[in-house]
Amino acid sequence: MTDADDPRLALYMNLKDAWLRIQRDQPTREAQLGRFIAEGELVLSQLVGSRYPTESVLVMPQRLDSCAEALSRLPTEVPIYVAERALLEQIVGFDLHRGVLAVGVRTPAEPIEQMLSDARAAVVLEDLSNHDNVGGLFRSVAALGGRECPILLSPRCADALYRKSIRVSMGQALNVPWATLEPWPDQLATVRSAGFRLIALTLSDDAVDLDAADLGPRPAFMLGAEGPGLTDAAISQADVRVRIPVDQRADSLNVGVAGALALHAWSRSRS
């Protein structure tokens, strides 16, 4: 274990997530894909058990005992820095760190065709720019669909490995398979050709109520951003249009809630 006097730690002082995502100061292929920040004990534990390598950990002395199990699973070459709260906040630039921060290394996504071949269902997100919604959907998918339900993102979605996305997902963004569909929406045809039924969740008048809809054995639930919902281009690719009935005095459901209800309906129909 080393302390926070190591000069290499200064490289990460007050850096934005976007810079970590695109920086390319290392020769290895993994590092060229960028880095991300994981915060909190639970997320650290998920990171250590995920496919993403851990580059370093920064922890307050008071958290060492509670993090001991996760830290023990790290490769011996991974540095663990210990710093008091004041220094930690100076390094990271904010106080919402929960006493534990780790630097993870992005790795290439599994090919979409291979990802879908092992999947029972899928969730497709179009242009979700809110990190809370993205993270919340990863958490719901992990609970209701498991790791056999990948999440597929349009290119304009928020980063699944943004610090807040990971935190809101309770670390499940590190475990649920995900990939970006490009070009969009043409790549939806790849999802259909893999044997999925494209289910557009929409408020359109011709949509079928969720409880009455034929979801098929392998649904791919399509969800759009808060407000605009799915674009016409995306809806035109769907095999079925589905709506979740709500009280007429309410406008709609949060996209994360809608996704969770759709997954629950599917899991209930399977059982």
C-alpha atoms as a PDB file:
ATOM      1  CA  MET A   1       0.000   0.000   0.000  1.00  0.00           C
ATOM      2  CA  THR A   2       1.364   3.421  -0.903  1.00  0.00           C
ATOM      3  CA  ASP A   3       0.350   6.848   0.310  1.00  0.00           C
ATOM      4  CA  ALA A   4      -0.931   9.855  -1.589  1.00  0.00           C
ATOM      5  CA  ASP A   5       2.540  11.396  -1.944  1.00  0.00           C
ATOM      6  CA  ASP A   6       3.108   9.395  -5.115  1.00  0.00           C
ATOM      7  CA  PRO A   7       3.499  12.033  -7.887  1.00  0.00           C
ATOM      8  CA  ARG A   8       1.549   9.901 -10.343  1.00  0.00           C
ATOM      9  CA  LEU A   9      -1.596  10.701  -8.408  1.00  0.00           C
ATOM     10  CA  ALA A  10      -1.354  14.329  -9.512  1.00  0.00           C
ATOM     11  CA  LEU A  11      -2.196  13.201 -13.036  1.00  0.00           C
ATOM     12  CA  TYR A  12      -5.789  12.678 -11.921  1.00  0.00           C
ATOM     13  CA  MET A  13      -6.360  15.867  -9.931  1.00  0.00           C
ATOM     14  CA  ASN A  14      -9.642  17.580 -10.857  1.00  0.00           C
ATOM     15  CA  LEU A  15      -9.935  15.878 -14.226  1.00  0.00           C
ATOM     16  CA  LYS A  16     -13.242  15.734 -16.087  1.00  0.00           C
ATOM     17  CA  ASP A  17     -14.761  12.374 -16.984  1.00  0.00           C
ATOM     18  CA  ALA A  18     -14.732  13.370 -20.644  1.00  0.00           C
ATOM     19  CA  TRP A  19     -10.961  13.786 -20.576  1.00  0.00           C
ATOM     20  CA  LEU A  20     -10.525  10.397 -18.944  1.00  0.00           C
ATOM     21  CA  ARG A  21     -12.697   8.890 -21.655  1.00  0.00           C
ATOM     22  CA  ILE A  22     -10.637  10.160 -24.564  1.00  0.00           C
ATOM     23  CA  GLN A  23      -7.085  10.550 -23.258  1.00  0.00           C
ATOM     24  CA  ARG A  24      -4.504   8.326 -24.914  1.00  0.00           C
ATOM     25  CA  ASP A  25      -1.278   8.644 -22.970  1.00  0.00           C
ATOM     26  CA  GLN A  26      -0.563   4.926 -22.681  1.00  0.00           C
ATOM     27  CA  PRO A  27       0.625   2.508 -25.376  1.00  0.00           C
ATOM     28  CA  THR A  28      -1.688  -0.403 -24.543  1.00  0.00           C
ATOM     29  CA  ARG A  29      -4.901  -0.936 -26.453  1.00  0.00           C
ATOM     30  CA  GLU A  30      -6.959  -0.880 -23.250  1.00  0.00           C
ATOM     31  CA  ALA A  31      -5.591   2.492 -22.151  1.00  0.00           C
ATOM     32  CA  GLN A  32      -6.198   3.951 -25.594  1.00  0.00           C
ATOM     33  CA  LEU A  33      -9.895   3.376 -24.993  1.00  0.00           C
ATOM     34  CA  GLY A  34      -9.786   5.754 -22.046  1.00  0.00           C
ATOM     35  CA  ARG A  35     -10.526   5.503 -18.352  1.00  0.00           C
ATOM     36  CA  PHE A  36     -13.446   6.072 -15.993  1.00  0.00           C
ATOM     37  CA  ILE A  37     -14.018   6.800 -12.316  1.00  0.00           C
ATOM     38  CA  ALA A  38     -15.841   4.458  -9.932  1.00  0.00           C
ATOM     39  CA  GLU A  39     -16.864   5.761  -6.515  1.00  0.00           C
ATOM     40  CA  GLY A  40     -18.055   4.085  -3.335  1.00  0.00           C
ATOM     41  CA  GLU A  41     -17.450   0.742  -1.658  1.00  0.00           C
ATOM     42  CA  LEU A  42     -20.204  -1.146  -3.481  1.00  0.00           C
ATOM     43  CA  VAL A  43     -19.107   0.136  -6.878  1.00  0.00           C
ATOM     44  CA  LEU A  44     -15.481  -0.720  -6.110  1.00  0.00           C
ATOM     45  CA  SER A  45     -16.526  -4.291  -5.330  1.00  0.00           C
ATOM     46  CA  GLN A  46     -18.425  -4.489  -8.621  1.00  0.00           C
ATOM     47  CA  LEU A  47     -15.475  -3.044 -10.524  1.00  0.00           C
ATOM     48  CA  VAL A  48     -13.011  -5.563  -9.106  1.00  0.00           C
ATOM     49  CA  GLY A  49     -15.278  -8.405 -10.231  1.00  0.00           C
ATOM     50  CA  SER A  50     -16.002  -6.953 -13.676  1.00  0.00           C
ATOM     51  CA  ARG A  51     -14.300  -7.228 -17.061  1.00  0.00           C
ATOM     52  CA  TYR A  52     -12.780  -3.776 -16.627  1.00  0.00           C
ATOM     53  CA  PRO A  53      -9.248  -3.636 -15.198  1.00  0.00           C
ATOM     54  CA  THR A  54      -8.685  -1.478 -12.116  1.00  0.00           C
ATOM     55  CA  GLU A  55      -5.755   0.891 -12.591  1.00  0.00           C
ATOM     56  CA  SER A  56      -5.586   2.397  -9.099  1.00  0.00           C
ATOM     57  CA  VAL A  57      -7.620   3.002  -5.944  1.00  0.00           C
ATOM     58  CA  LEU A  58      -7.797   6.055  -3.673  1.00  0.00           C
ATOM     59  CA  VAL A  59      -9.324   5.473  -0.258  1.00  0.00           C
ATOM     60  CA  MET A  60      -9.673   7.189   3.091  1.00  0.00           C
ATOM     61  CA  PRO A  61      -8.106   5.376   6.088  1.00  0.00           C
ATOM     62  CA  GLN A  62     -11.543   4.946   7.662  1.00  0.00           C
ATOM     63  CA  ARG A  63     -12.689   2.897   4.653  1.00  0.00           C
ATOM     64  CA  LEU A  64      -9.825   0.415   4.554  1.00  0.00           C
ATOM     65  CA  ASP A  65     -11.491  -2.194   6.754  1.00  0.00           C
ATOM     66  CA  SER A  66     -14.841  -2.109   4.948  1.00  0.00           C
ATOM     67  CA  CYS A  67     -13.064  -2.261   1.553  1.00  0.00           C
ATOM     68  CA  ALA A  68     -10.601  -4.966   2.608  1.00  0.00           C
ATOM     69  CA  GLU A  69     -12.345  -7.816   0.798  1.00  0.00           C
ATOM     70  CA  ALA A  70     -12.560  -5.954  -2.521  1.00  0.00           C
ATOM     71  CA  LEU A  71      -8.986  -4.669  -2.223  1.00  0.00           C
ATOM     72  CA  SER A  72      -7.731  -8.192  -1.550  1.00  0.00           C
ATOM     73  CA  ARG A  73      -9.052  -9.290  -4.947  1.00  0.00           C
ATOM     74  CA  LEU A  74      -6.995  -6.728  -6.839  1.00  0.00           C
ATOM     75  CA  PRO A  75      -3.821  -7.782  -8.655  1.00  0.00           C
ATOM     76  CA  THR A  76      -0.755  -7.050  -6.536  1.00  0.00           C
ATOM     77  CA  GLU A  77       0.543  -4.480  -9.023  1.00  0.00           C
ATOM     78  CA  VAL A  78      -2.496  -2.200  -8.642  1.00  0.00           C
ATOM     79  CA  PRO A  79      -1.529   0.756  -6.412  1.00  0.00           C
ATOM     80  CA  ILE A  80      -3.766   1.591  -3.464  1.00  0.00           C
ATOM     81  CA  TYR A  81      -3.414   5.182  -2.287  1.00  0.00           C
ATOM     82  CA  VAL A  82      -4.531   6.188   1.202  1.00  0.00           C
ATOM     83  CA  ALA A  83      -5.407   9.829   1.859  1.00  0.00           C
ATOM     84  CA  GLU A  84      -7.277  11.815   4.478  1.00  0.00           C
ATOM     85  CA  ARG A  85     -10.568  13.460   3.463  1.00  0.00           C
ATOM     86  CA  ALA A  86      -9.104  16.951   2.916  1.00  0.00           C
ATOM     87  CA  LEU A  87      -6.453  15.695   0.523  1.00  0.00           C
ATOM     88  CA  LEU A  88      -8.882  13.394  -1.250  1.00  0.00           C
ATOM     89  CA  GLU A  89     -11.279  16.269  -1.874  1.00  0.00           C
ATOM     90  CA  GLN A  90      -8.408  18.420  -3.127  1.00  0.00           C
ATOM     91  CA  ILE A  91      -7.466  15.689  -5.588  1.00  0.00           C
ATOM     92  CA  VAL A  92     -10.929  14.960  -6.936  1.00  0.00           C
ATOM     93  CA  GLY A  93     -12.437  18.434  -6.666  1.00  0.00           C
ATOM     94  CA  PHE A  94     -15.740  17.454  -5.021  1.00  0.00           C
ATOM     95  CA  ASP A  95     -16.933  15.901  -1.762  1.00  0.00           C
ATOM     96  CA  LEU A  96     -19.345  13.258  -3.102  1.00  0.00           C
ATOM     97  CA  HIS A  97     -16.683  10.580  -3.278  1.00  0.00           C
ATOM     98  CA  ARG A  98     -17.918   8.400  -0.387  1.00  0.00           C
ATOM     99  CA  GLY A  99     -14.339   7.939   0.744  1.00  0.00           C
ATOM    100  CA  VAL A 100     -13.476   5.510  -2.049  1.00  0.00           C
ATOM    101  CA  LEU A 101     -12.497   6.190  -5.662  1.00  0.00           C
ATOM    102  CA  ALA A 102     -11.016   3.919  -8.283  1.00  0.00           C
ATOM    103  CA  VAL A 103      -9.754   4.409 -11.827  1.00  0.00           C
ATOM    104  CA  GLY A 104     -11.048   1.796 -14.250  1.00  0.00           C
ATOM    105  CA  VAL A 105      -9.819   1.097 -17.767  1.00  0.00           C
ATOM    106  CA  ARG A 106     -12.300   0.800 -20.614  1.00  0.00           C
ATOM    107  CA  THR A 107     -12.153  -2.350 -22.702  1.00  0.00           C
ATOM    108  CA  PRO A 108     -13.611  -3.081 -26.150  1.00  0.00           C
ATOM    109  CA  ALA A 109     -17.260  -4.063 -26.191  1.00  0.00           C
ATOM    110  CA  GLU A 110     -18.179  -7.582 -27.188  1.00  0.00           C
ATOM    111  CA  PRO A 111     -19.325  -7.756 -30.845  1.00  0.00           C
ATOM    112  CA  ILE A 112     -23.040  -7.015 -30.982  1.00  0.00           C
ATOM    113  CA  GLU A 113     -23.852 -10.211 -32.866  1.00  0.00           C
ATOM    114  CA  GLN A 114     -22.151 -12.312 -30.210  1.00  0.00           C
ATOM    115  CA  MET A 115     -23.752 -10.315 -27.405  1.00  0.00           C
ATOM    116  CA  LEU A 116     -27.205 -10.889 -28.861  1.00  0.00           C
ATOM    117  CA  SER A 117     -26.668 -14.576 -29.559  1.00  0.00           C
ATOM    118  CA  ASP A 118     -26.550 -15.299 -25.828  1.00  0.00           C
ATOM    119  CA  ALA A 119     -29.323 -12.864 -24.838  1.00  0.00           C
ATOM    120  CA  ARG A 120     -32.906 -13.636 -23.772  1.00  0.00           C
ATOM    121  CA  ALA A 121     -34.068 -10.030 -24.099  1.00  0.00           C
ATOM    122  CA  ALA A 122     -32.600  -6.603 -24.779  1.00  0.00           C
ATOM    123  CA  VAL A 123     -33.204  -2.962 -23.945  1.00  0.00           C
ATOM    124  CA  VAL A 124     -32.574  -0.338 -26.615  1.00  0.00           C
ATOM    125  CA  LEU A 125     -32.152   3.289 -25.558  1.00  0.00           C
ATOM    126  CA  GLU A 126     -32.439   6.212 -27.964  1.00  0.00           C
ATOM    127  CA  ASP A 127     -30.826   9.553 -27.078  1.00  0.00           C
ATOM    128  CA  LEU A 128     -31.095   9.288 -23.278  1.00  0.00           C
ATOM    129  CA  SER A 129     -28.872  12.173 -22.172  1.00  0.00           C
ATOM    130  CA  ASN A 130     -29.653  11.954 -18.455  1.00  0.00           C
ATOM    131  CA  HIS A 131     -27.061   9.903 -16.555  1.00  0.00           C
ATOM    132  CA  ASP A 132     -29.530   9.107 -13.758  1.00  0.00           C
ATOM    133  CA  ASN A 133     -31.942   7.505 -16.210  1.00  0.00           C
ATOM    134  CA  VAL A 134     -29.204   5.525 -17.922  1.00  0.00           C
ATOM    135  CA  GLY A 135     -27.809   4.319 -14.603  1.00  0.00           C
ATOM    136  CA  GLY A 136     -31.256   3.504 -13.255  1.00  0.00           C
ATOM    137  CA  LEU A 137     -32.045   1.384 -16.304  1.00  0.00           C
ATOM    138  CA  PHE A 138     -28.827  -0.584 -15.878  1.00  0.00           C
ATOM    139  CA  ARG A 139     -29.869  -1.327 -12.301  1.00  0.00           C
ATOM    140  CA  SER A 140     -33.358  -2.432 -13.394  1.00  0.00           C
ATOM    141  CA  VAL A 141     -32.000  -4.594 -16.198  1.00  0.00           C
ATOM    142  CA  ALA A 142     -29.577  -6.294 -13.808  1.00  0.00           C
ATOM    143  CA  ALA A 143     -32.434  -7.073 -11.416  1.00  0.00           C
ATOM    144  CA  LEU A 144     -35.127  -8.091 -13.911  1.00  0.00           C
ATOM    145  CA  GLY A 145     -33.231  -9.293 -16.965  1.00  0.00           C
ATOM    146  CA  GLY A 146     -29.838 -10.272 -15.617  1.00  0.00           C
ATOM    147  CA  ARG A 147     -26.652 -10.368 -17.611  1.00  0.00           C
ATOM    148  CA  GLU A 148     -28.466 -12.107 -20.448  1.00  0.00           C
ATOM    149  CA  CYS A 149     -30.288  -8.839 -21.235  1.00  0.00           C
ATOM    150  CA  PRO A 150     -27.851  -6.409 -22.889  1.00  0.00           C
ATOM    151  CA  ILE A 151     -28.454  -2.694 -23.207  1.00  0.00           C
ATOM    152  CA  LEU A 152     -27.951  -1.166 -26.642  1.00  0.00           C
ATOM    153  CA  LEU A 153     -27.447   2.591 -26.874  1.00  0.00           C
ATOM    154  CA  SER A 154     -27.896   5.044 -29.694  1.00  0.00           C
ATOM    155  CA  PRO A 155     -24.751   7.153 -30.310  1.00  0.00           C
ATOM    156  CA  ARG A 156     -26.283  10.208 -28.593  1.00  0.00           C
ATOM    157  CA  CYS A 157     -26.995   8.457 -25.297  1.00  0.00           C
ATOM    158  CA  ALA A 158     -25.181   9.424 -22.117  1.00  0.00           C
ATOM    159  CA  ASP A 159     -22.009   7.496 -21.377  1.00  0.00           C
ATOM    160  CA  ALA A 160     -22.786   4.278 -19.500  1.00  0.00           C
ATOM    161  CA  LEU A 161     -19.417   4.517 -17.746  1.00  0.00           C
ATOM    162  CA  TYR A 162     -19.767   8.118 -16.638  1.00  0.00           C
ATOM    163  CA  ARG A 163     -19.147   8.336 -12.893  1.00  0.00           C
ATOM    164  CA  LYS A 164     -22.749   9.175 -12.042  1.00  0.00           C
ATOM    165  CA  SER A 165     -24.194   6.535 -14.369  1.00  0.00           C
ATOM    166  CA  ILE A 166     -22.130   3.872 -12.623  1.00  0.00           C
ATOM    167  CA  ARG A 167     -23.062   5.138  -9.157  1.00  0.00           C
ATOM    168  CA  VAL A 168     -26.810   5.283  -9.870  1.00  0.00           C
ATOM    169  CA  SER A 169     -26.642   1.790 -11.381  1.00  0.00           C
ATOM    170  CA  MET A 170     -25.140   0.520  -8.093  1.00  0.00           C
ATOM    171  CA  GLY A 171     -22.202  -0.672 -10.160  1.00  0.00           C
ATOM    172  CA  GLN A 172     -24.341  -2.736 -12.542  1.00  0.00           C
ATOM    173  CA  ALA A 173     -23.184  -0.679 -15.543  1.00  0.00           C
ATOM    174  CA  LEU A 174     -19.931  -2.602 -15.066  1.00  0.00           C
ATOM    175  CA  ASN A 175     -21.682  -5.974 -15.307  1.00  0.00           C
ATOM    176  CA  VAL A 176     -24.638  -5.726 -17.693  1.00  0.00           C
ATOM    177  CA  PRO A 177     -23.389  -6.152 -21.290  1.00  0.00           C
ATOM    178  CA  TRP A 178     -23.829  -3.028 -23.399  1.00  0.00           C
ATOM    179  CA  ALA A 179     -22.815  -1.611 -26.740  1.00  0.00           C
ATOM    180  CA  THR A 180     -23.519   1.327 -29.029  1.00  0.00           C
ATOM    181  CA  LEU A 181     -25.601   0.752 -32.146  1.00  0.00           C
ATOM    182  CA  GLU A 182     -24.025   2.554 -35.098  1.00  0.00           C
ATOM    183  CA  PRO A 183     -25.198   3.640 -37.565  1.00  0.00           C
ATOM    184  CA  TRP A 184     -28.483   4.549 -35.907  1.00  0.00           C
ATOM    185  CA  PRO A 185     -31.235   3.483 -36.449  1.00  0.00           C
ATOM    186  CA  ASP A 186     -30.063   1.181 -39.245  1.00  0.00           C
ATOM    187  CA  GLN A 187     -28.388  -1.176 -36.781  1.00  0.00           C
ATOM    188  CA  LEU A 188     -31.795  -2.051 -35.337  1.00  0.00           C
ATOM    189  CA  ALA A 189     -32.040  -4.419 -38.277  1.00  0.00           C
ATOM    190  CA  THR A 190     -29.143  -6.355 -36.754  1.00  0.00           C
ATOM    191  CA  VAL A 191     -31.145  -6.776 -33.553  1.00  0.00           C
ATOM    192  CA  ARG A 192     -34.153  -8.096 -35.480  1.00  0.00           C
ATOM    193  CA  SER A 193     -32.033 -10.448 -37.578  1.00  0.00           C
ATOM    194  CA  ALA A 194     -30.655 -11.929 -34.346  1.00  0.00           C
ATOM    195  CA  GLY A 195     -34.177 -13.135 -33.548  1.00  0.00           C
ATOM    196  CA  PHE A 196     -35.526 -10.254 -31.462  1.00  0.00           C
ATOM    197  CA  ARG A 197     -38.954  -8.650 -31.633  1.00  0.00           C
ATOM    198  CA  LEU A 198     -38.532  -4.870 -31.563  1.00  0.00           C
ATOM    199  CA  ILE A 199     -41.019  -3.457 -29.032  1.00  0.00           C
ATOM    200  CA  ALA A 200     -41.387   0.338 -29.138  1.00  0.00           C
ATOM    201  CA  LEU A 201     -42.720   1.868 -25.930  1.00  0.00           C
ATOM    202  CA  THR A 202     -44.722   4.868 -27.072  1.00  0.00           C
ATOM    203  CA  LEU A 203     -47.807   6.890 -26.205  1.00  0.00           C
ATOM    204  CA  SER A 204     -49.122   6.792 -29.767  1.00  0.00           C
ATOM    205  CA  ASP A 205     -52.823   6.047 -30.213  1.00  0.00           C
ATOM    206  CA  ASP A 206     -52.199   2.856 -32.179  1.00  0.00           C
ATOM    207  CA  ALA A 207     -50.068   1.307 -29.431  1.00  0.00           C
ATOM    208  CA  VAL A 208     -51.259  -1.878 -27.703  1.00  0.00           C
ATOM    209  CA  ASP A 209     -51.514  -1.996 -23.915  1.00  0.00           C
ATOM    210  CA  LEU A 210     -48.477  -3.731 -22.446  1.00  0.00           C
ATOM    211  CA  ASP A 211     -50.501  -6.456 -20.710  1.00  0.00           C
ATOM    212  CA  ALA A 212     -52.195  -7.385 -23.993  1.00  0.00           C
ATOM    213  CA  ALA A 213     -49.150  -7.174 -26.265  1.00  0.00           C
ATOM    214  CA  ASP A 214     -47.414 -10.150 -27.835  1.00  0.00           C
ATOM    215  CA  LEU A 215     -43.850  -9.586 -26.649  1.00  0.00           C
ATOM    216  CA  GLY A 216     -42.538 -12.757 -28.229  1.00  0.00           C
ATOM    217  CA  PRO A 217     -39.889 -15.020 -26.681  1.00  0.00           C
ATOM    218  CA  ARG A 218     -37.051 -12.512 -27.195  1.00  0.00           C
ATOM    219  CA  PRO A 219     -38.232  -8.888 -26.924  1.00  0.00           C
ATOM    220  CA  ALA A 220     -36.033  -5.855 -27.456  1.00  0.00           C
ATOM    221  CA  PHE A 221     -37.694  -2.987 -25.613  1.00  0.00           C
ATOM    222  CA  MET A 222     -37.063   0.382 -27.267  1.00  0.00           C
ATOM    223  CA  LEU A 223     -37.147   3.453 -25.007  1.00  0.00           C
ATOM    224  CA  GLY A 224     -36.753   7.102 -25.969  1.00  0.00           C
ATOM    225  CA  ALA A 225     -35.611  10.162 -24.094  1.00  0.00           C
ATOM    226  CA  GLU A 226     -37.742  11.994 -21.532  1.00  0.00           C
ATOM    227  CA  GLY A 227     -40.087  14.371 -23.337  1.00  0.00           C
ATOM    228  CA  PRO A 228     -39.685  13.547 -27.016  1.00  0.00           C
ATOM    229  CA  GLY A 229     -39.722   9.777 -26.622  1.00  0.00           C
ATOM    230  CA  LEU A 230     -38.680   7.598 -29.538  1.00  0.00           C
ATOM    231  CA  THR A 231     -38.111   9.308 -32.866  1.00  0.00           C
ATOM    232  CA  ASP A 232     -40.290   8.461 -35.839  1.00  0.00           C
ATOM    233  CA  ALA A 233     -37.257   6.851 -37.486  1.00  0.00           C
ATOM    234  CA  ALA A 234     -36.838   4.467 -34.554  1.00  0.00           C
ATOM    235  CA  ILE A 235     -40.555   3.699 -34.211  1.00  0.00           C
ATOM    236  CA  SER A 236     -40.729   2.841 -37.912  1.00  0.00           C
ATOM    237  CA  GLN A 237     -38.292   0.000 -37.249  1.00  0.00           C
ATOM    238  CA  ALA A 238     -40.463  -1.540 -34.518  1.00  0.00           C
ATOM    239  CA  ASP A 239     -42.441  -4.753 -34.911  1.00  0.00           C
ATOM    240  CA  VAL A 240     -44.926  -3.772 -32.197  1.00  0.00           C
ATOM    241  CA  ARG A 241     -45.916  -0.495 -30.548  1.00  0.00           C
ATOM    242  CA  VAL A 242     -46.736  -0.822 -26.871  1.00  0.00           C
ATOM    243  CA  ARG A 243     -47.976   1.629 -24.265  1.00  0.00           C
ATOM    244  CA  ILE A 244     -48.219   1.450 -20.482  1.00  0.00           C
ATOM    245  CA  PRO A 245     -51.655   2.733 -19.412  1.00  0.00           C
ATOM    246  CA  VAL A 246     -51.478   5.606 -16.924  1.00  0.00           C
ATOM    247  CA  ASP A 247     -53.996   7.822 -15.200  1.00  0.00           C
ATOM    248  CA  GLN A 248     -55.336  10.430 -17.636  1.00  0.00           C
ATOM    249  CA  ARG A 249     -54.290  13.172 -15.227  1.00  0.00           C
ATOM    250  CA  ALA A 250     -50.645  12.130 -15.592  1.00  0.00           C
ATOM    251  CA  ASP A 251     -48.562  12.881 -18.637  1.00  0.00           C
ATOM    252  CA  SER A 252     -46.307   9.822 -18.687  1.00  0.00           C
ATOM    253  CA  LEU A 253     -43.915   7.670 -16.697  1.00  0.00           C
ATOM    254  CA  ASN A 254     -40.233   8.261 -16.138  1.00  0.00           C
ATOM    255  CA  VAL A 255     -38.306   6.328 -18.787  1.00  0.00           C
ATOM    256  CA  GLY A 256     -36.515   4.271 -16.144  1.00  0.00           C
ATOM    257  CA  VAL A 257     -39.811   3.279 -14.541  1.00  0.00           C
ATOM    258  CA  ALA A 258     -41.299   2.431 -17.932  1.00  0.00           C
ATOM    259  CA  GLY A 259     -38.354   0.206 -18.762  1.00  0.00           C
ATOM    260  CA  ALA A 260     -38.618  -1.592 -15.417  1.00  0.00           C
ATOM    261  CA  LEU A 261     -42.350  -2.212 -15.898  1.00  0.00           C
ATOM    262  CA  ALA A 262     -41.775  -3.596 -19.398  1.00  0.00           C
ATOM    263  CA  LEU A 263     -39.072  -5.948 -18.145  1.00  0.00           C
ATOM    264  CA  HIS A 264     -41.279  -7.062 -15.272  1.00  0.00           C
ATOM    265  CA  ALA A 265     -44.141  -7.804 -17.663  1.00  0.00           C
ATOM    266  CA  TRP A 266     -41.798  -9.884 -19.786  1.00  0.00           C
ATOM    267  CA  SER A 267     -40.360 -11.806 -16.836  1.00  0.00           C
ATOM    268  CA  ARG A 268     -43.880 -12.431 -15.521  1.00  0.00           C
ATOM    269  CA  SER A 269     -45.036 -13.766 -18.900  1.00  0.00           C
ATOM    270  CA  ARG A 270     -42.067 -16.145 -19.008  1.00  0.00           C
ATOM    271  CA  SER A 271     -42.880 -17.568 -15.593  1.00  0.00           C
END
